[in-house]
């Protein structure tokens, strides 16, 4: 015969197991996707996102493959990106599209390009990685 103490212990264990906390945001554990491509710089101005920018602003023009239709404002407009190059990391805002950039590539404001290259504009371009933040 099974003792009452054993049944009570089994019931208590089952209740504790079913009351275990559940992660309500499983997507919070997903890693951010990293992209790589070529970085160039351009003369900032009125961007496809609809606001005026200057060369002093830390902005990027996102390649059109990722930006989407240039006849509409992209869902990425205003989003932040974190860019990595040669031990340097900078954060910038998506403000424009780059129709000549390949997938993964970014066209940058002059100040952003300079911050990532120690103002070595003679490079003209460099390889980098980046992700949305």
N, C-alpha and C. Protein backbone atom coordinates (compact mmCIF):
# COMPACT_ATOMS: atom_id res chain seq x y z
N UNK A 1 0.84 -1.17 0.00
CA UNK A 1 0.00 0.00 0.00
C UNK A 1 0.89 1.23 0.00
N UNK A 2 0.50 2.24 -0.72
CA UNK A 2 1.26 3.48 -0.83
C UNK A 2 0.89 4.37 0.34
N UNK A 3 1.91 4.93 0.97
CA UNK A 3 1.65 5.75 2.15
C UNK A 3 1.13 7.13 1.75
N UNK A 4 0.38 7.74 2.65
CA UNK A 4 -0.17 9.07 2.43
C UNK A 4 0.96 10.10 2.31
N UNK A 5 2.04 9.87 3.06
CA UNK A 5 3.18 10.79 3.02
C UNK A 5 3.81 10.79 1.62
N UNK A 6 3.92 9.61 1.00
CA UNK A 6 4.49 9.51 -0.34
C UNK A 6 3.59 10.22 -1.35
N UNK A 7 2.29 10.01 -1.28
CA UNK A 7 1.35 10.65 -2.20
C UNK A 7 1.39 12.16 -2.03
N UNK A 8 1.45 12.65 -0.78
CA UNK A 8 1.52 14.08 -0.53
C UNK A 8 2.81 14.66 -1.11
N UNK A 9 3.93 13.96 -0.93
CA UNK A 9 5.22 14.42 -1.47
C UNK A 9 5.19 14.47 -2.99
N UNK A 10 4.60 13.46 -3.60
CA UNK A 10 4.49 13.41 -5.05
C UNK A 10 3.63 14.55 -5.56
N UNK A 11 2.52 14.83 -4.91
CA UNK A 11 1.63 15.92 -5.31
C UNK A 11 2.32 17.28 -5.16
N UNK A 12 3.06 17.46 -4.07
CA UNK A 12 3.78 18.71 -3.85
C UNK A 12 4.85 18.92 -4.92
N UNK A 13 5.55 17.86 -5.29
CA UNK A 13 6.58 17.95 -6.32
C UNK A 13 5.95 18.30 -7.67
N UNK A 14 4.82 17.68 -8.00
CA UNK A 14 4.14 17.95 -9.27
C UNK A 14 3.66 19.40 -9.32
N UNK A 15 3.14 19.91 -8.22
CA UNK A 15 2.67 21.30 -8.17
C UNK A 15 3.83 22.27 -8.36
N UNK A 16 4.96 21.98 -7.73
CA UNK A 16 6.13 22.86 -7.86
C UNK A 16 6.65 22.85 -9.29
N UNK A 17 6.63 21.70 -9.92
CA UNK A 17 7.15 21.59 -11.29
C UNK A 17 6.26 22.35 -12.27
N UNK A 18 4.96 22.30 -12.08
CA UNK A 18 4.06 23.00 -13.00
C UNK A 18 4.02 24.50 -12.72
N UNK A 19 4.47 24.93 -11.56
CA UNK A 19 4.48 26.35 -11.23
C UNK A 19 5.81 27.01 -11.58
N UNK A 20 6.69 26.29 -12.26
CA UNK A 20 7.99 26.86 -12.63
C UNK A 20 7.79 28.06 -13.55
N UNK A 21 8.59 29.11 -13.38
CA UNK A 21 8.44 30.30 -14.22
C UNK A 21 8.75 29.98 -15.68
N UNK A 22 8.05 30.66 -16.56
CA UNK A 22 8.21 30.48 -18.00
C UNK A 22 8.72 31.79 -18.57
N UNK A 23 9.69 31.72 -19.46
CA UNK A 23 10.22 32.91 -20.12
C UNK A 23 9.16 33.44 -21.07
N UNK A 24 8.64 34.64 -20.78
CA UNK A 24 7.58 35.21 -21.61
C UNK A 24 8.12 35.89 -22.85
N UNK A 25 9.45 36.06 -22.96
CA UNK A 25 10.05 36.69 -24.12
C UNK A 25 11.18 35.82 -24.67
N UNK A 26 10.85 34.70 -25.28
CA UNK A 26 11.92 33.82 -25.76
C UNK A 26 12.77 34.48 -26.84
N UNK A 27 12.20 35.43 -27.61
CA UNK A 27 12.98 36.09 -28.66
C UNK A 27 14.10 36.96 -28.10
N UNK A 28 14.04 37.28 -26.81
CA UNK A 28 15.09 38.10 -26.19
C UNK A 28 16.42 37.36 -26.19
N UNK A 29 16.40 36.06 -26.37
CA UNK A 29 17.62 35.27 -26.35
C UNK A 29 18.21 35.06 -27.74
N UNK A 30 17.56 35.57 -28.77
CA UNK A 30 18.07 35.42 -30.12
C UNK A 30 19.26 36.35 -30.32
N UNK A 31 20.25 35.89 -31.04
CA UNK A 31 21.40 36.73 -31.34
C UNK A 31 21.04 37.69 -32.47
N UNK A 32 21.62 38.89 -32.41
CA UNK A 32 21.41 39.86 -33.48
C UNK A 32 22.16 39.38 -34.71
N UNK A 33 21.58 39.64 -35.86
CA UNK A 33 22.21 39.25 -37.11
C UNK A 33 23.24 40.29 -37.51
N UNK A 34 24.40 39.83 -37.88
CA UNK A 34 25.48 40.70 -38.30
C UNK A 34 25.58 40.68 -39.83
N UNK A 35 25.87 41.84 -40.41
CA UNK A 35 26.03 41.97 -41.86
C UNK A 35 27.46 42.43 -42.13
N UNK A 36 27.94 42.16 -43.31
CA UNK A 36 29.25 42.66 -43.69
C UNK A 36 29.18 43.19 -45.11
N UNK A 37 30.02 44.16 -45.37
CA UNK A 37 30.03 44.76 -46.69
C UNK A 37 31.05 45.88 -46.77
N UNK A 38 30.89 46.68 -47.79
CA UNK A 38 31.81 47.76 -48.08
C UNK A 38 31.24 49.06 -47.52
N UNK A 39 32.10 49.84 -46.89
CA UNK A 39 31.71 51.16 -46.38
C UNK A 39 32.30 52.23 -47.28
N UNK A 40 31.47 53.18 -47.66
CA UNK A 40 31.90 54.35 -48.43
C UNK A 40 31.32 55.57 -47.74
N UNK A 41 31.67 56.77 -48.22
CA UNK A 41 31.05 57.96 -47.65
C UNK A 41 30.51 58.84 -48.76
N UNK A 42 29.55 59.68 -48.39
CA UNK A 42 28.88 60.54 -49.37
C UNK A 42 28.55 61.89 -48.74
N UNK A 43 28.17 62.82 -49.58
CA UNK A 43 27.77 64.15 -49.13
C UNK A 43 26.32 64.07 -48.66
N UNK A 44 26.13 64.17 -47.36
CA UNK A 44 24.78 64.06 -46.79
C UNK A 44 23.93 65.27 -47.20
N UNK A 45 22.65 65.09 -47.19
CA UNK A 45 21.68 66.13 -47.54
C UNK A 45 20.29 65.60 -47.23
N UNK A 46 19.33 65.91 -48.09
CA UNK A 46 17.98 65.38 -47.92
C UNK A 46 18.00 63.90 -48.27
N UNK A 47 17.69 63.06 -47.30
CA UNK A 47 17.72 61.61 -47.51
C UNK A 47 16.35 61.06 -47.85
N UNK A 48 16.32 59.81 -48.31
CA UNK A 48 15.05 59.16 -48.64
C UNK A 48 14.14 59.00 -47.44
N UNK A 49 14.69 59.09 -46.24
CA UNK A 49 13.86 58.97 -45.04
C UNK A 49 13.08 60.25 -44.78
N UNK A 50 13.40 61.33 -45.49
CA UNK A 50 12.57 62.52 -45.43
C UNK A 50 13.07 63.64 -44.55
N UNK A 51 14.29 63.56 -44.06
CA UNK A 51 14.81 64.68 -43.28
C UNK A 51 16.19 65.08 -43.78
N UNK A 52 16.53 66.33 -43.51
CA UNK A 52 17.81 66.91 -43.93
C UNK A 52 18.92 66.44 -42.99
N UNK A 53 20.06 66.10 -43.57
CA UNK A 53 21.22 65.64 -42.80
C UNK A 53 22.44 66.45 -43.22
N UNK A 54 23.42 66.50 -42.33
CA UNK A 54 24.68 67.17 -42.65
C UNK A 54 25.81 66.15 -42.53
N UNK A 55 26.97 66.51 -43.03
CA UNK A 55 28.13 65.64 -42.94
C UNK A 55 28.58 65.40 -41.51
N UNK A 56 28.14 66.27 -40.58
CA UNK A 56 28.50 66.11 -39.17
C UNK A 56 27.63 65.07 -38.47
N UNK A 57 26.46 64.76 -39.04
CA UNK A 57 25.56 63.77 -38.45
C UNK A 57 26.12 62.37 -38.68
N UNK A 58 25.99 61.51 -37.69
CA UNK A 58 26.42 60.12 -37.85
C UNK A 58 25.24 59.33 -38.42
N UNK A 59 25.22 59.28 -39.76
CA UNK A 59 24.12 58.62 -40.47
C UNK A 59 24.67 57.65 -41.50
N UNK A 60 23.78 56.75 -41.94
CA UNK A 60 24.12 55.84 -43.03
C UNK A 60 22.99 55.83 -44.05
N UNK A 61 23.39 55.54 -45.29
CA UNK A 61 22.45 55.22 -46.35
C UNK A 61 22.51 53.71 -46.50
N UNK A 62 21.39 53.06 -46.30
CA UNK A 62 21.29 51.60 -46.34
C UNK A 62 21.14 51.15 -47.79
N UNK A 63 21.84 50.08 -48.16
CA UNK A 63 21.71 49.54 -49.51
C UNK A 63 20.24 49.27 -49.81
N UNK A 64 19.84 49.44 -51.07
CA UNK A 64 18.41 49.34 -51.40
C UNK A 64 17.86 47.92 -51.24
N UNK A 65 18.72 46.91 -51.32
CA UNK A 65 18.24 45.54 -51.10
C UNK A 65 17.68 45.40 -49.69
N UNK A 66 18.27 46.10 -48.72
CA UNK A 66 17.79 46.04 -47.34
C UNK A 66 16.86 47.21 -47.01
N UNK A 67 17.04 48.34 -47.68
CA UNK A 67 16.20 49.51 -47.44
C UNK A 67 14.77 49.26 -47.91
N UNK A 68 14.63 48.63 -49.08
CA UNK A 68 13.32 48.41 -49.67
C UNK A 68 13.05 49.45 -50.74
N UNK A 69 11.80 49.60 -51.10
CA UNK A 69 11.40 50.53 -52.16
C UNK A 69 11.81 51.96 -51.81
N UNK A 70 12.50 52.60 -52.73
CA UNK A 70 12.92 53.99 -52.49
C UNK A 70 11.80 54.98 -52.75
N UNK A 71 10.65 54.51 -53.23
CA UNK A 71 9.52 55.41 -53.42
C UNK A 71 8.74 55.60 -52.12
N UNK A 72 9.05 54.81 -51.12
CA UNK A 72 8.41 54.91 -49.81
C UNK A 72 9.48 55.06 -48.74
N UNK A 73 9.06 55.55 -47.58
CA UNK A 73 9.98 55.61 -46.45
C UNK A 73 10.15 54.19 -45.91
N UNK A 74 11.38 53.77 -45.73
CA UNK A 74 11.68 52.41 -45.27
C UNK A 74 11.30 52.22 -43.81
N UNK A 75 10.97 50.99 -43.46
CA UNK A 75 10.74 50.64 -42.06
C UNK A 75 12.02 50.81 -41.24
N UNK A 76 13.17 50.88 -41.92
CA UNK A 76 14.45 51.03 -41.23
C UNK A 76 14.83 52.49 -40.94
N UNK A 77 14.09 53.44 -41.52
CA UNK A 77 14.40 54.85 -41.29
C UNK A 77 14.37 55.16 -39.79
N UNK A 78 15.43 55.80 -39.32
CA UNK A 78 15.52 56.17 -37.91
C UNK A 78 16.08 55.09 -37.02
N UNK A 79 16.22 53.87 -37.54
CA UNK A 79 16.79 52.79 -36.72
C UNK A 79 18.29 53.00 -36.56
N UNK A 80 18.82 52.48 -35.47
CA UNK A 80 20.24 52.59 -35.17
C UNK A 80 20.97 51.35 -35.68
N UNK A 81 22.19 51.58 -36.15
CA UNK A 81 23.09 50.49 -36.54
C UNK A 81 24.40 50.68 -35.79
N UNK A 82 25.04 49.57 -35.46
CA UNK A 82 26.36 49.60 -34.83
C UNK A 82 27.34 49.03 -35.84
N UNK A 83 28.39 49.82 -36.13
CA UNK A 83 29.34 49.48 -37.18
C UNK A 83 30.71 49.20 -36.55
N UNK A 84 31.38 48.15 -37.05
CA UNK A 84 32.68 47.73 -36.53
C UNK A 84 33.71 47.72 -37.66
N UNK A 85 34.86 48.34 -37.39
CA UNK A 85 35.96 48.32 -38.35
C UNK A 85 37.28 48.52 -37.63
N UNK A 86 38.19 47.58 -37.80
CA UNK A 86 39.56 47.73 -37.33
C UNK A 86 39.65 48.15 -35.86
N UNK A 87 38.85 47.53 -35.02
CA UNK A 87 38.87 47.83 -33.59
C UNK A 87 38.04 49.04 -33.18
N UNK A 88 37.46 49.73 -34.13
CA UNK A 88 36.61 50.89 -33.86
C UNK A 88 35.15 50.47 -33.95
N UNK A 89 34.31 51.06 -33.12
CA UNK A 89 32.87 50.82 -33.17
C UNK A 89 32.16 52.16 -33.07
N UNK A 90 31.18 52.36 -33.95
CA UNK A 90 30.38 53.58 -33.95
C UNK A 90 28.91 53.21 -34.14
N UNK A 91 28.04 54.05 -33.60
CA UNK A 91 26.60 53.88 -33.78
C UNK A 91 26.09 55.01 -34.66
N UNK A 92 25.20 54.68 -35.58
CA UNK A 92 24.67 55.68 -36.52
C UNK A 92 23.19 55.42 -36.74
N UNK A 93 22.55 56.36 -37.43
CA UNK A 93 21.12 56.29 -37.73
C UNK A 93 20.90 56.10 -39.22
N UNK A 94 19.98 55.20 -39.59
CA UNK A 94 19.61 55.02 -41.00
C UNK A 94 18.79 56.24 -41.42
N UNK A 95 19.29 56.96 -42.45
CA UNK A 95 18.63 58.19 -42.89
C UNK A 95 18.42 58.26 -44.39
N UNK A 96 18.92 57.27 -45.13
CA UNK A 96 18.88 57.37 -46.59
C UNK A 96 19.02 55.97 -47.18
N UNK A 97 18.89 55.90 -48.50
CA UNK A 97 19.13 54.65 -49.22
C UNK A 97 20.33 54.83 -50.13
N UNK A 98 20.97 53.73 -50.47
CA UNK A 98 22.14 53.76 -51.36
C UNK A 98 21.89 52.81 -52.52
N UNK A 99 21.45 53.33 -53.67
CA UNK A 99 21.14 52.46 -54.80
C UNK A 99 22.36 51.79 -55.43
N UNK A 100 23.57 52.31 -55.21
CA UNK A 100 24.76 51.70 -55.80
C UNK A 100 25.47 50.75 -54.84
N UNK A 101 24.96 50.62 -53.63
CA UNK A 101 25.59 49.74 -52.63
C UNK A 101 25.07 48.31 -52.76
N UNK A 102 25.96 47.35 -52.62
CA UNK A 102 25.57 45.94 -52.60
C UNK A 102 24.95 45.59 -51.25
N UNK A 103 24.26 44.45 -51.21
CA UNK A 103 23.66 43.96 -49.98
C UNK A 103 24.72 43.90 -48.88
N UNK A 104 24.40 44.46 -47.71
CA UNK A 104 25.32 44.48 -46.58
C UNK A 104 26.20 45.71 -46.53
N UNK A 105 26.27 46.47 -47.61
CA UNK A 105 27.12 47.66 -47.65
C UNK A 105 26.37 48.89 -47.17
N UNK A 106 27.13 49.88 -46.68
CA UNK A 106 26.58 51.13 -46.18
C UNK A 106 27.34 52.31 -46.76
N UNK A 107 26.64 53.36 -47.09
CA UNK A 107 27.23 54.64 -47.47
C UNK A 107 27.10 55.53 -46.24
N UNK A 108 28.18 56.16 -45.81
CA UNK A 108 28.21 56.87 -44.53
C UNK A 108 28.41 58.36 -44.70
N UNK A 109 27.96 59.09 -43.68
CA UNK A 109 28.31 60.51 -43.63
C UNK A 109 29.82 60.61 -43.43
N UNK A 110 30.36 61.76 -43.80
CA UNK A 110 31.81 61.94 -43.71
C UNK A 110 32.30 61.83 -42.26
N UNK A 111 31.53 62.36 -41.31
CA UNK A 111 31.97 62.30 -39.91
C UNK A 111 32.01 60.86 -39.40
N UNK A 112 31.06 60.04 -39.81
CA UNK A 112 31.04 58.64 -39.40
C UNK A 112 32.21 57.88 -40.01
N UNK A 113 32.41 58.07 -41.32
CA UNK A 113 33.53 57.43 -42.00
C UNK A 113 34.85 57.80 -41.32
N UNK A 114 35.01 59.08 -41.01
CA UNK A 114 36.22 59.55 -40.35
C UNK A 114 36.40 58.96 -38.96
N UNK A 115 35.31 58.81 -38.23
CA UNK A 115 35.39 58.24 -36.88
C UNK A 115 35.85 56.78 -36.91
N UNK A 116 35.54 56.08 -37.99
CA UNK A 116 35.91 54.67 -38.11
C UNK A 116 37.29 54.46 -38.74
N UNK A 117 37.85 55.51 -39.34
CA UNK A 117 39.13 55.38 -40.05
C UNK A 117 40.19 56.35 -39.54
N UNK A 118 39.94 56.97 -38.39
CA UNK A 118 40.86 58.01 -37.88
C UNK A 118 41.08 59.09 -38.93
N UNK A 119 39.98 59.50 -39.56
CA UNK A 119 39.96 60.56 -40.59
C UNK A 119 40.85 60.25 -41.80
N UNK A 120 41.00 58.99 -42.13
CA UNK A 120 41.77 58.61 -43.31
C UNK A 120 40.80 58.48 -44.50
N UNK A 121 40.45 59.62 -45.08
CA UNK A 121 39.50 59.64 -46.19
C UNK A 121 40.12 59.13 -47.48
N UNK A 122 41.46 59.04 -47.53
CA UNK A 122 42.13 58.50 -48.71
C UNK A 122 41.78 57.03 -48.94
N UNK A 123 41.33 56.35 -47.88
CA UNK A 123 40.90 54.95 -48.06
C UNK A 123 39.80 54.86 -49.10
N UNK A 124 38.87 55.79 -49.05
CA UNK A 124 37.75 55.78 -49.98
C UNK A 124 36.69 54.75 -49.63
N UNK A 125 37.11 53.60 -49.20
CA UNK A 125 36.20 52.52 -48.80
C UNK A 125 36.94 51.55 -47.90
N UNK A 126 36.19 50.76 -47.16
CA UNK A 126 36.78 49.71 -46.32
C UNK A 126 35.73 48.65 -46.04
N UNK A 127 36.18 47.48 -45.66
CA UNK A 127 35.29 46.39 -45.26
C UNK A 127 34.89 46.58 -43.80
N UNK A 128 33.65 46.30 -43.49
CA UNK A 128 33.16 46.46 -42.11
C UNK A 128 32.06 45.45 -41.86
N UNK A 129 31.71 45.31 -40.59
CA UNK A 129 30.54 44.54 -40.19
C UNK A 129 29.63 45.47 -39.41
N UNK A 130 28.36 45.14 -39.39
CA UNK A 130 27.40 45.98 -38.68
C UNK A 130 26.16 45.17 -38.33
N UNK A 131 25.38 45.72 -37.40
CA UNK A 131 24.10 45.11 -37.02
C UNK A 131 23.14 46.21 -36.59
N UNK A 132 21.85 45.90 -36.69
CA UNK A 132 20.83 46.80 -36.15
C UNK A 132 20.88 46.69 -34.63
N UNK A 133 20.66 47.81 -33.94
CA UNK A 133 20.63 47.79 -32.47
C UNK A 133 19.30 48.28 -31.96
